[in-house]
PDB file of N, CA and C in Angstrom:
ATOM      1  N   UNK A   1      51.581 171.818-106.866  1.00  0.00           N
ATOM      2  CA  UNK A   1      50.633 171.842-106.721  1.00  0.00           C
ATOM      3  C   UNK A   1      49.524 172.130-107.686  1.00  0.00           C
ATOM      4  N   UNK A   2      48.314 171.484-107.739  1.00  0.00           N
ATOM      5  CA  UNK A   2      47.392 171.574-108.895  1.00  0.00           C
ATOM      6  C   UNK A   2      46.123 172.245-108.110  1.00  0.00           C
ATOM      7  N   UNK A   3      45.045 172.528-109.437  1.00  0.00           N
ATOM      8  CA  UNK A   3      43.634 172.937-108.814  1.00  0.00           C
ATOM      9  C   UNK A   3      43.216 171.656-107.698  1.00  0.00           C
ATOM     10  N   UNK A   4      43.297 170.662-108.047  1.00  0.00           N
ATOM     11  CA  UNK A   4      42.494 169.675-107.133  1.00  0.00           C
ATOM     12  C   UNK A   4      43.373 169.472-105.860  1.00  0.00           C
ATOM     13  N   UNK A   5      44.944 169.468-106.126  1.00  0.00           N
ATOM     14  CA  UNK A   5      45.486 169.447-104.660  1.00  0.00           C
ATOM     15  C   UNK A   5      44.719 170.620-103.874  1.00  0.00           C
ATOM     16  N   UNK A   6      44.764 171.647-104.709  1.00  0.00           N
ATOM     17  CA  UNK A   6      44.282 172.962-103.646  1.00  0.00           C
ATOM     18  C   UNK A   6      43.007 172.923-103.212  1.00  0.00           C
ATOM     19  N   UNK A   7      42.335 172.259-104.018  1.00  0.00           N
ATOM     20  CA  UNK A   7      40.802 171.824-103.192  1.00  0.00           C
ATOM     21  C   UNK A   7      40.928 171.118-102.187  1.00  0.00           C
ATOM     22  N   UNK A   8      41.752 170.368-102.463  1.00  0.00           N
ATOM     23  CA  UNK A   8      42.153 168.894-101.265  1.00  0.00           C
ATOM     24  C   UNK A   8      42.269 169.757 -99.958  1.00  0.00           C
ATOM     25  N   UNK A   9      43.563 170.579-100.070  1.00  0.00           N
ATOM     26  CA  UNK A   9      44.133 171.234 -99.053  1.00  0.00           C
ATOM     27  C   UNK A   9      43.137 171.973 -98.206  1.00  0.00           C
ATOM     28  N   UNK A  10      42.186 173.046 -99.397  1.00  0.00           N
ATOM     29  CA  UNK A  10      41.217 174.034 -98.499  1.00  0.00           C
ATOM     30  C   UNK A  10      40.292 172.853 -97.965  1.00  0.00           C
ATOM     31  N   UNK A  11      39.942 172.016 -98.377  1.00  0.00           N
ATOM     32  CA  UNK A  11      38.754 171.310 -97.880  1.00  0.00           C
ATOM     33  C   UNK A  11      39.511 170.545 -96.489  1.00  0.00           C
ATOM     34  N   UNK A  12      40.321 170.157 -96.213  1.00  0.00           N
ATOM     35  CA  UNK A  12      41.087 169.487 -95.128  1.00  0.00           C
ATOM     36  C   UNK A  12      41.576 170.821 -94.170  1.00  0.00           C
ATOM     37  N   UNK A  13      41.889 171.838 -94.483  1.00  0.00           N
ATOM     38  CA  UNK A  13      42.324 173.149 -93.829  1.00  0.00           C
ATOM     39  C   UNK A  13      40.892 173.504 -93.186  1.00  0.00           C
ATOM     40  N   UNK A  14      39.511 173.661 -93.940  1.00  0.00           N
ATOM     41  CA  UNK A  14      38.453 174.488 -93.696  1.00  0.00           C
ATOM     42  C   UNK A  14      37.770 173.122 -92.879  1.00  0.00           C
ATOM     43  N   UNK A  15      37.917 172.079 -93.087  1.00  0.00           N
ATOM     44  CA  UNK A  15      37.064 171.058 -92.636  1.00  0.00           C
ATOM     45  C   UNK A  15      35.629 170.975 -93.177  1.00  0.00           C
ATOM     46  N   UNK A  16      35.742 171.052 -94.367  1.00  0.00           N
ATOM     47  CA  UNK A  16      34.435 171.141 -95.246  1.00  0.00           C
ATOM     48  C   UNK A  16      34.537 169.829 -96.309  1.00  0.00           C
ATOM     49  N   UNK A  17      33.771 169.762 -97.135  1.00  0.00           N
ATOM     50  CA  UNK A  17      33.365 168.855 -98.119  1.00  0.00           C
ATOM     51  C   UNK A  17      34.408 169.511 -99.429  1.00  0.00           C
ATOM     52  N   UNK A  18      34.738 168.431-100.419  1.00  0.00           N
ATOM     53  CA  UNK A  18      35.655 168.918-101.421  1.00  0.00           C
ATOM     54  C   UNK A  18      34.340 169.791-102.534  1.00  0.00           C
ATOM     55  N   UNK A  19      33.047 169.576-102.513  1.00  0.00           N
ATOM     56  CA  UNK A  19      32.315 170.255-103.199  1.00  0.00           C
ATOM     57  C   UNK A  19      32.026 171.818-102.474  1.00  0.00           C
ATOM     58  N   UNK A  20      32.472 171.925-101.376  1.00  0.00           N
ATOM     59  CA  UNK A  20      32.341 173.431-100.708  1.00  0.00           C
ATOM     60  C   UNK A  20      33.501 173.548-100.964  1.00  0.00           C
ATOM     61  N   UNK A  21      34.612 173.146-100.673  1.00  0.00           N
ATOM     62  CA  UNK A  21      36.181 173.900-101.113  1.00  0.00           C
ATOM     63  C   UNK A  21      36.437 174.010-102.848  1.00  0.00           C
ATOM     64  N   UNK A  22      35.624 173.275-103.559  1.00  0.00           N
ATOM     65  CA  UNK A  22      35.844 173.588-104.940  1.00  0.00           C
ATOM     66  C   UNK A  22      35.041 174.804-105.184  1.00  0.00           C
ATOM     67  N   UNK A  23      33.952 175.010-104.644  1.00  0.00           N
ATOM     68  CA  UNK A  23      32.936 176.244-105.107  1.00  0.00           C
ATOM     69  C   UNK A  23      33.900 177.697-104.278  1.00  0.00           C
ATOM     70  N   UNK A  24      34.545 177.347-103.049  1.00  0.00           N
ATOM     71  CA  UNK A  24      35.480 178.778-102.438  1.00  0.00           C
ATOM     72  C   UNK A  24      36.537 179.105-103.455  1.00  0.00           C
ATOM     73  N   UNK A  25      37.188 177.770-103.805  1.00  0.00           N
ATOM     74  CA  UNK A  25      38.330 178.158-104.707  1.00  0.00           C
ATOM     75  C   UNK A  25      37.763 178.539-106.452  1.00  0.00           C
ATOM     76  N   UNK A  26      36.643 178.175-106.507  1.00  0.00           N
ATOM     77  CA  UNK A  26      36.244 178.795-108.016  1.00  0.00           C
ATOM     78  C   UNK A  26      36.080 180.101-107.814  1.00  0.00           C
ATOM     79  N   UNK A  27      35.396 180.618-106.726  1.00  0.00           N
ATOM     80  CA  UNK A  27      35.168 181.809-106.252  1.00  0.00           C
ATOM     81  C   UNK A  27      36.332 182.891-106.397  1.00  0.00           C
ATOM     82  N   UNK A  28      37.305 182.367-105.786  1.00  0.00           N
ATOM     83  CA  UNK A  28      38.282 183.293-105.176  1.00  0.00           C
ATOM     84  C   UNK A  28      38.877 183.304-106.757  1.00  0.00           C
ATOM     85  N   UNK A  29      39.096 182.256-107.609  1.00  0.00           N
ATOM     86  CA  UNK A  29      39.622 182.302-109.113  1.00  0.00           C
ATOM     87  C   UNK A  29      38.730 183.637-109.925  1.00  0.00           C
ATOM     88  N   UNK A  30      37.387 183.330-109.653  1.00  0.00           N
ATOM     89  CA  UNK A  30      36.317 184.426-110.456  1.00  0.00           C
ATOM     90  C   UNK A  30      36.869 185.662-110.063  1.00  0.00           C
ATOM     91  N   UNK A  31      36.661 185.895-108.660  1.00  0.00           N
ATOM     92  CA  UNK A  31      36.931 187.205-108.219  1.00  0.00           C
ATOM     93  C   UNK A  31      38.320 187.702-108.594  1.00  0.00           C
ATOM     94  N   UNK A  32      39.580 186.898-108.506  1.00  0.00           N
ATOM     95  CA  UNK A  32      40.636 187.756-109.213  1.00  0.00           C
ATOM     96  C   UNK A  32      40.860 187.754-110.826  1.00  0.00           C
ATOM     97  N   UNK A  33      39.956 187.040-111.303  1.00  0.00           N
ATOM     98  CA  UNK A  33      39.869 187.389-112.909  1.00  0.00           C
ATOM     99  C   UNK A  33      38.787 188.584-113.103  1.00  0.00           C
ATOM    100  N   UNK A  34      37.842 189.168-112.707  1.00  0.00           N
ATOM    101  CA  UNK A  34      37.064 189.961-112.865  1.00  0.00           C
ATOM    102  C   UNK A  34      38.115 191.159-111.963  1.00  0.00           C
ATOM    103  N   UNK A  35      38.933 190.951-110.865  1.00  0.00           N
ATOM    104  CA  UNK A  35      39.516 192.482-110.305  1.00  0.00           C
ATOM    105  C   UNK A  35      40.481 192.609-111.612  1.00  0.00           C
ATOM    106  N   UNK A  36      41.372 191.643-112.349  1.00  0.00           N
ATOM    107  CA  UNK A  36      42.257 191.727-113.100  1.00  0.00           C
ATOM    108  C   UNK A  36      41.387 192.732-114.346  1.00  0.00           C
ATOM    109  N   UNK A  37      40.360 192.128-114.978  1.00  0.00           N
ATOM    110  CA  UNK A  37      39.694 192.689-115.950  1.00  0.00           C
ATOM    111  C   UNK A  37      39.116 194.331-115.852  1.00  0.00           C
ATOM    112  N   UNK A  38      38.739 194.316-114.510  1.00  0.00           N
ATOM    113  CA  UNK A  38      38.141 196.163-113.982  1.00  0.00           C
ATOM    114  C   UNK A  38      39.039 196.752-113.505  1.00  0.00           C
ATOM    115  N   UNK A  39      40.041 196.183-112.958  1.00  0.00           N
ATOM    116  CA  UNK A  39      41.283 196.863-112.335  1.00  0.00           C
ATOM    117  C   UNK A  39      42.797 196.960-112.642  1.00  0.00           C
ATOM    118  N   UNK A  40      42.726 195.714-113.294  1.00  0.00           N
ATOM    119  CA  UNK A  40      44.198 195.544-113.967  1.00  0.00           C
ATOM    120  C   UNK A  40      45.142 195.245-112.700  1.00  0.00           C
ATOM    121  N   UNK A  41      44.515 195.258-111.647  1.00  0.00           N
ATOM    122  CA  UNK A  41      45.543 195.057-110.562  1.00  0.00           C
ATOM    123  C   UNK A  41      44.868 194.503-109.559  1.00  0.00           C
ATOM    124  N   UNK A  42      45.714 193.391-108.585  1.00  0.00           N
ATOM    125  CA  UNK A  42      44.874 192.829-107.394  1.00  0.00           C
ATOM    126  C   UNK A  42      45.904 192.486-106.605  1.00  0.00           C
ATOM    127  N   UNK A  43      45.892 193.234-105.207  1.00  0.00           N
ATOM    128  CA  UNK A  43      46.983 192.805-104.446  1.00  0.00           C
ATOM    129  C   UNK A  43      46.445 192.296-102.922  1.00  0.00           C
ATOM    130  N   UNK A  44      46.625 191.222-102.925  1.00  0.00           N
ATOM    131  CA  UNK A  44      46.462 190.376-101.423  1.00  0.00           C
ATOM    132  C   UNK A  44      47.443 190.847-100.739  1.00  0.00           C
ATOM    133  N   UNK A  45      47.316 191.436 -99.499  1.00  0.00           N
ATOM    134  CA  UNK A  45      48.392 191.623 -98.429  1.00  0.00           C
ATOM    135  C   UNK A  45      49.133 190.337 -97.837  1.00  0.00           C
ATOM    136  N   UNK A  46      50.345 190.268 -97.822  1.00  0.00           N
ATOM    137  CA  UNK A  46      50.686 189.223 -97.281  1.00  0.00           C
ATOM    138  C   UNK A  46      51.182 188.013 -98.295  1.00  0.00           C
ATOM    139  N   UNK A  47      50.379 188.235 -99.444  1.00  0.00           N
ATOM    140  CA  UNK A  47      50.652 187.107-100.580  1.00  0.00           C
ATOM    141  C   UNK A  47      51.209 187.892-101.620  1.00  0.00           C
ATOM    142  N   UNK A  48      50.780 188.346-102.473  1.00  0.00           N
ATOM    143  CA  UNK A  48      51.430 189.053-103.592  1.00  0.00           C
ATOM    144  C   UNK A  48      50.441 190.269-104.486  1.00  0.00           C
ATOM    145  N   UNK A  49      50.884 190.652-105.212  1.00  0.00           N
ATOM    146  CA  UNK A  49      50.096 191.317-106.447  1.00  0.00           C
ATOM    147  C   UNK A  49      50.063 190.731-107.726  1.00  0.00           C
ATOM    148  N   UNK A  50      48.747 190.796-108.210  1.00  0.00           N
ATOM    149  CA  UNK A  50      48.510 190.282-109.700  1.00  0.00           C
ATOM    150  C   UNK A  50      48.289 191.366-110.786  1.00  0.00           C
ATOM    151  N   UNK A  51      48.847 191.329-111.676  1.00  0.00           N
ATOM    152  CA  UNK A  51      48.521 192.634-112.448  1.00  0.00           C
ATOM    153  C   UNK A  51      48.352 192.329-113.872  1.00  0.00           C
ATOM    154  N   UNK A  52      47.822 192.848-114.896  1.00  0.00           N
ATOM    155  CA  UNK A  52      47.135 192.748-115.993  1.00  0.00           C
ATOM    156  C   UNK A  52      48.162 193.536-116.952  1.00  0.00           C
ATOM    157  N   UNK A  53      48.981 193.093-118.044  1.00  0.00           N
ATOM    158  CA  UNK A  53      49.998 193.879-118.670  1.00  0.00           C
ATOM    159  C   UNK A  53      49.593 193.423-120.256  1.00  0.00           C
ATOM    160  N   UNK A  54      49.701 194.615-120.883  1.00  0.00           N
ATOM    161  CA  UNK A  54      49.620 194.361-122.501  1.00  0.00           C
ATOM    162  C   UNK A  54      51.103 194.267-123.174  1.00  0.00           C
ATOM    163  N   UNK A  55      51.329 193.415-123.877  1.00  0.00           N
ATOM    164  CA  UNK A  55      52.570 193.316-124.433  1.00  0.00           C
ATOM    165  C   UNK A  55      52.237 194.054-125.836  1.00  0.00           C
ATOM    166  N   UNK A  56      53.058 195.224-126.349  1.00  0.00           N
ATOM    167  CA  UNK A  56      52.910 195.704-127.529  1.00  0.00           C
ATOM    168  C   UNK A  56      53.431 194.860-128.662  1.00  0.00           C
ATOM    169  N   UNK A  57      52.671 195.452-129.751  1.00  0.00           N
ATOM    170  CA  UNK A  57      52.958 194.402-130.814  1.00  0.00           C
ATOM    171  C   UNK A  57      54.448 194.635-131.405  1.00  0.00           C
ATOM    172  N   UNK A  58      54.885 193.212-131.996  1.00  0.00           N
ATOM    173  CA  UNK A  58      56.296 193.507-132.018  1.00  0.00           C
ATOM    174  C   UNK A  58      56.623 192.479-133.313  1.00  0.00           C
ATOM    175  N   UNK A  59      58.231 192.447-134.271  1.00  0.00           N
ATOM    176  CA  UNK A  59      58.231 192.024-135.425  1.00  0.00           C
ATOM    177  C   UNK A  59      58.746 190.887-134.863  1.00  0.00           C
ATOM    178  N   UNK A  60      58.073 189.574-135.754  1.00  0.00           N
ATOM    179  CA  UNK A  60      58.684 188.241-135.553  1.00  0.00           C
ATOM    180  C   UNK A  60      59.345 187.710-136.815  1.00  0.00           C
ATOM    181  N   UNK A  61      59.608 186.242-136.483  1.00  0.00           N
ATOM    182  CA  UNK A  61      59.960 185.594-137.797  1.00  0.00           C
ATOM    183  C   UNK A  61      59.044 184.055-137.394  1.00  0.00           C
ATOM    184  N   UNK A  62      58.613 183.752-138.854  1.00  0.00           N
ATOM    185  CA  UNK A  62      57.378 182.934-138.744  1.00  0.00           C
ATOM    186  C   UNK A  62      58.667 181.461-138.693  1.00  0.00           C
ATOM    187  N   UNK A  63      58.266 180.494-138.027  1.00  0.00           N
ATOM    188  CA  UNK A  63      59.313 179.366-137.493  1.00  0.00           C
ATOM    189  C   UNK A  63      59.980 178.369-138.611  1.00  0.00           C
ATOM    190  N   UNK A  64      58.396 178.405-139.583  1.00  0.00           N
ATOM    191  CA  UNK A  64      58.855 177.411-140.741  1.00  0.00           C
ATOM    192  C   UNK A  64      59.494 177.938-141.837  1.00  0.00           C
ATOM    193  N   UNK A  65      58.493 179.013-142.507  1.00  0.00           N
ATOM    194  CA  UNK A  65      59.093 179.825-143.113  1.00  0.00           C
ATOM    195  C   UNK A  65      59.856 180.641-143.438  1.00  0.00           C
ATOM    196  N   UNK A  66      60.268 181.054-142.413  1.00  0.00           N
ATOM    197  CA  UNK A  66      61.535 182.526-141.905  1.00  0.00           C
ATOM    198  C   UNK A  66      60.791 183.649-142.405  1.00  0.00           C
ATOM    199  N   UNK A  67      59.658 184.081-142.734  1.00  0.00           N
ATOM    200  CA  UNK A  67      59.091 184.890-143.293  1.00  0.00           C
ATOM    201  C   UNK A  67      58.977 186.027-142.206  1.00  0.00           C
ATOM    202  N   UNK A  68      59.260 187.286-142.499  1.00  0.00           N
ATOM    203  CA  UNK A  68      59.145 188.536-141.307  1.00  0.00           C
ATOM    204  C   UNK A  68      57.572 188.429-141.069  1.00  0.00           C
ATOM    205  N   UNK A  69      57.164 188.884-139.928  1.00  0.00           N
ATOM    206  CA  UNK A  69      55.553 188.822-139.452  1.00  0.00           C
ATOM    207  C   UNK A  69      55.473 189.456-138.461  1.00  0.00           C
ATOM    208  N   UNK A  70      54.463 190.319-138.039  1.00  0.00           N
ATOM    209  CA  UNK A  70      53.965 191.021-137.175  1.00  0.00           C
ATOM    210  C   UNK A  70      53.089 190.292-136.108  1.00  0.00           C
ATOM    211  N   UNK A  71      53.742 190.305-134.905  1.00  0.00           N
ATOM    212  CA  UNK A  71      53.287 189.580-133.764  1.00  0.00           C
ATOM    213  C   UNK A  71      51.996 190.349-133.095  1.00  0.00           C
ATOM    214  N   UNK A  72      51.128 190.068-133.076  1.00  0.00           N
ATOM    215  CA  UNK A  72      49.800 191.236-132.648  1.00  0.00           C
ATOM    216  C   UNK A  72      49.975 191.412-130.851  1.00  0.00           C
ATOM    217  N   UNK A  73      49.484 192.581-130.455  1.00  0.00           N
ATOM    218  CA  UNK A  73      49.486 193.083-129.256  1.00  0.00           C
ATOM    219  C   UNK A  73      48.893 192.094-128.209  1.00  0.00           C
ATOM    220  N   UNK A  74      49.312 191.539-127.216  1.00  0.00           N
ATOM    221  CA  UNK A  74      48.535 190.955-126.320  1.00  0.00           C
ATOM    222  C   UNK A  74      48.313 190.973-124.651  1.00  0.00           C
ATOM    223  N   UNK A  75      47.352 190.522-124.296  1.00  0.00           N
ATOM    224  CA  UNK A  75      47.619 190.605-122.702  1.00  0.00           C
ATOM    225  C   UNK A  75      48.037 189.658-121.628  1.00  0.00           C
ATOM    226  N   UNK A  76      48.546 189.967-120.891  1.00  0.00           N
ATOM    227  CA  UNK A  76      49.586 188.799-119.913  1.00  0.00           C
ATOM    228  C   UNK A  76      49.117 189.581-118.592  1.00  0.00           C
ATOM    229  N   UNK A  77      49.189 188.472-117.664  1.00  0.00           N
ATOM    230  CA  UNK A  77      49.049 188.378-116.429  1.00  0.00           C
ATOM    231  C   UNK A  77      50.687 188.477-115.471  1.00  0.00           C
ATOM    232  N   UNK A  78      50.906 189.126-114.561  1.00  0.00           N
ATOM    233  CA  UNK A  78      52.248 189.004-113.966  1.00  0.00           C
ATOM    234  C   UNK A  78      51.636 188.911-112.589  1.00  0.00           C
ATOM    235  N   UNK A  79      52.897 188.247-111.887  1.00  0.00           N
ATOM    236  CA  UNK A  79      52.810 188.330-110.003  1.00  0.00           C
ATOM    237  C   UNK A  79      53.849 188.566-109.579  1.00  0.00           C
ATOM    238  N   UNK A  80      53.887 189.287-108.782  1.00  0.00           N
ATOM    239  CA  UNK A  80      54.707 189.479-107.794  1.00  0.00           C
ATOM    240  C   UNK A  80      54.625 189.247-106.603  1.00  0.00           C
ATOM    241  N   UNK A  81      55.423 188.449-105.908  1.00  0.00           N
ATOM    242  CA  UNK A  81      55.154 187.885-104.745  1.00  0.00           C
ATOM    243  C   UNK A  81      55.534 189.024-103.340  1.00  0.00           C
ATOM    244  N   UNK A  82      54.763 188.961-102.160  1.00  0.00           N
ATOM    245  CA  UNK A  82      54.904 189.890-101.101  1.00  0.00           C
ATOM    246  C   UNK A  82      56.213 189.655-100.190  1.00  0.00           C
ATOM    247  N   UNK A  83      56.906 190.451 -99.707  1.00  0.00           N
ATOM    248  CA  UNK A  83      57.959 190.151 -98.775  1.00  0.00           C
ATOM    249  C   UNK A  83      57.778 188.800 -97.618  1.00  0.00           C
ATOM    250  N   UNK A  84      56.608 188.883 -97.314  1.00  0.00           N
ATOM    251  CA  UNK A  84      56.134 187.586 -96.231  1.00  0.00           C
ATOM    252  C   UNK A  84      55.750 186.512 -96.958  1.00  0.00           C
ATOM    253  N   UNK A  85      55.606 186.266 -98.404  1.00  0.00           N
ATOM    254  CA  UNK A  85      55.420 185.140 -99.166  1.00  0.00           C
ATOM    255  C   UNK A  85      56.704 184.697 -99.588  1.00  0.00           C
ATOM    256  N   UNK A  86      57.815 185.948 -99.656  1.00  0.00           N
ATOM    257  CA  UNK A  86      59.024 185.252-100.167  1.00  0.00           C
ATOM    258  C   UNK A  86      60.042 184.819 -98.778  1.00  0.00           C
ATOM    259  N   UNK A  87      59.355 185.306 -97.649  1.00  0.00           N
ATOM    260  CA  UNK A  87      60.289 184.555 -96.456  1.00  0.00           C
ATOM    261  C   UNK A  87      59.907 183.265 -96.403  1.00  0.00           C
ATOM    262  N   UNK A  88      58.401 183.223 -96.499  1.00  0.00           N
ATOM    263  CA  UNK A  88      58.259 181.723 -96.460  1.00  0.00           C
ATOM    264  C   UNK A  88      59.111 180.336 -97.382  1.00  0.00           C
ATOM    265  N   UNK A  89      59.528 181.202 -98.167  1.00  0.00           N
ATOM    266  CA  UNK A  89      60.112 180.252 -99.278  1.00  0.00           C
ATOM    267  C   UNK A  89      61.324 180.465 -98.906  1.00  0.00           C
TER     268      UNK A  89
END
């Protein structure tokens, strides 16, 4: 399922227009992003937990020149499904 499919499903479930469903989906994504940026963790009961994590810098090898290089620190997001979601899978 991609974002367009999600918007279609929300529109059908809520019996609203696709424009209204798009606004709702965009609002949820925006709130998730802000929550991760501000608190580094967003928990949705019955669904799961999104958590911002920082990967430390590490050594690597340039794929073309094979020279050693330093890979910079990066931020990423992880997701851990709640038991209720795991049961539905």
